[in-house]
Amino acid sequence: MTASTAHLTIRGEGVAGVDATIRLTPGSHILCCVYDDRPPILSLDDGPVHVSVTVPDPGHVTAADLAAARDLAAVVTRYLTDLEHHHAAQVPAPGQAA
């Protein structure tokens, strides 16, 4: 199993990019923290990689924030659906050898 990784690209003018790969395992932590007085925070933690997702302005949720969250939900749903497809293709049918 390959662990999650994070790489920082630094140039003369500072950080140029962050490349993080999260390989979900039973040890990965995925949380959604909700609050009464501010927008939620989605958190993914695995080894050296920690990712938080929230809105740019915690005092104001915009239509663009909602659109981005809907896009995220759609992509995660597609990811799940494709994983289910691949898993089903690997499981032997009843009566077949494993």
Protein backbone atom coordinates (compact mmCIF):
# COMPACT_ATOMS: atom_id res chain seq x y z
CA MET A 1 0.00 0.00 0.00
CA THR A 2 1.36 3.41 -0.94
CA ALA A 3 1.07 6.09 1.72
CA SER A 4 -0.39 9.56 1.27
CA THR A 5 2.14 12.15 0.16
CA ALA A 6 2.60 15.90 0.04
CA HIS A 7 5.14 17.86 -1.99
CA LEU A 8 5.92 21.56 -1.86
CA THR A 9 7.41 23.39 -4.82
CA ILE A 10 9.43 26.41 -3.75
CA ARG A 11 10.97 28.91 -6.12
CA GLY A 12 12.88 32.14 -5.55
CA GLU A 13 9.64 34.07 -5.06
CA GLY A 14 8.26 31.57 -2.54
CA VAL A 15 5.87 28.63 -2.62
CA ALA A 16 4.84 27.90 -6.19
CA GLY A 17 2.60 24.94 -5.53
CA VAL A 18 1.44 22.13 -3.29
CA ASP A 19 0.76 18.63 -4.60
CA ALA A 20 -1.04 16.40 -2.12
CA THR A 21 -2.20 12.85 -2.69
CA ILE A 22 -4.47 11.22 -0.13
CA ARG A 23 -4.75 7.46 -0.38
CA LEU A 24 -7.73 6.66 1.81
CA THR A 25 -7.24 3.80 4.26
CA PRO A 26 -9.01 2.71 7.45
CA GLY A 27 -6.55 5.05 9.24
CA SER A 28 -7.64 8.11 7.26
CA HIS A 29 -9.86 10.64 9.01
CA ILE A 30 -12.64 12.42 7.14
CA LEU A 31 -14.70 14.85 9.19
CA CYS A 32 -17.28 17.54 8.61
CA CYS A 33 -17.33 19.99 11.49
CA VAL A 34 -20.54 22.02 11.67
CA TYR A 35 -21.11 25.12 13.77
CA ASP A 36 -24.13 27.23 14.69
CA ASP A 37 -22.45 30.56 13.91
CA ARG A 38 -20.19 29.87 10.90
CA PRO A 39 -19.94 27.64 7.80
CA PRO A 40 -18.83 24.01 8.10
CA ILE A 41 -15.28 22.76 7.59
CA LEU A 42 -14.58 19.55 5.70
CA SER A 43 -11.35 17.94 6.89
CA LEU A 44 -9.31 15.09 5.38
CA ASP A 45 -6.30 13.85 7.35
CA ASP A 46 -3.98 10.99 6.47
CA GLY A 47 -0.39 10.79 7.65
CA PRO A 48 1.53 13.84 6.45
CA VAL A 49 -1.40 15.21 4.45
CA HIS A 50 -4.04 17.46 6.01
CA VAL A 51 -6.65 19.21 3.87
CA SER A 52 -9.42 21.54 5.04
CA VAL A 53 -12.21 22.80 2.81
CA THR A 54 -14.42 25.75 3.70
CA VAL A 55 -15.66 29.03 2.20
CA PRO A 56 -13.35 32.03 1.64
CA ASP A 57 -15.35 34.35 3.91
CA PRO A 58 -16.65 32.59 7.03
CA GLY A 59 -18.98 35.53 7.65
CA HIS A 60 -20.84 35.23 4.34
CA VAL A 61 -21.87 32.16 2.32
CA THR A 62 -22.41 33.05 -1.34
CA ALA A 63 -24.18 31.41 -4.26
CA ALA A 64 -20.70 30.68 -5.68
CA ASP A 65 -19.82 28.85 -2.43
CA LEU A 66 -22.93 26.70 -2.82
CA ALA A 67 -22.13 26.01 -6.48
CA ALA A 68 -18.58 24.93 -5.57
CA ALA A 69 -19.90 22.63 -2.81
CA ARG A 70 -22.39 21.09 -5.25
CA ASP A 71 -19.56 20.52 -7.74
CA LEU A 72 -17.52 18.86 -4.99
CA ALA A 73 -20.45 16.61 -4.03
CA ALA A 74 -21.01 15.62 -7.67
CA VAL A 75 -17.35 14.73 -8.18
CA VAL A 76 -17.23 12.71 -4.94
CA THR A 77 -20.40 10.88 -6.04
CA ARG A 78 -18.76 10.07 -9.38
CA TYR A 79 -15.63 8.84 -7.55
CA LEU A 80 -17.74 6.57 -5.33
CA THR A 81 -19.76 5.23 -8.26
CA ASP A 82 -16.62 4.36 -10.22
CA LEU A 83 -15.01 2.68 -7.17
CA GLU A 84 -18.17 0.59 -6.75
CA HIS A 85 -17.98 -0.39 -10.43
CA HIS A 86 -14.34 -1.48 -10.14
CA HIS A 87 -15.02 -3.36 -6.89
CA ALA A 88 -17.97 -5.22 -8.41
CA ALA A 89 -15.83 -6.23 -11.40
CA GLN A 90 -13.27 -7.80 -9.02
CA VAL A 91 -15.76 -9.81 -6.94
CA PRO A 92 -16.30 -13.31 -8.36
CA ALA A 93 -19.87 -14.19 -9.29
CA PRO A 94 -21.55 -16.88 -7.14
CA GLY A 95 -20.18 -20.28 -8.15
CA GLN A 96 -16.94 -18.85 -9.61
CA ALA A 97 -13.55 -19.48 -8.05
CA ALA A 98 -11.92 -16.53 -6.31
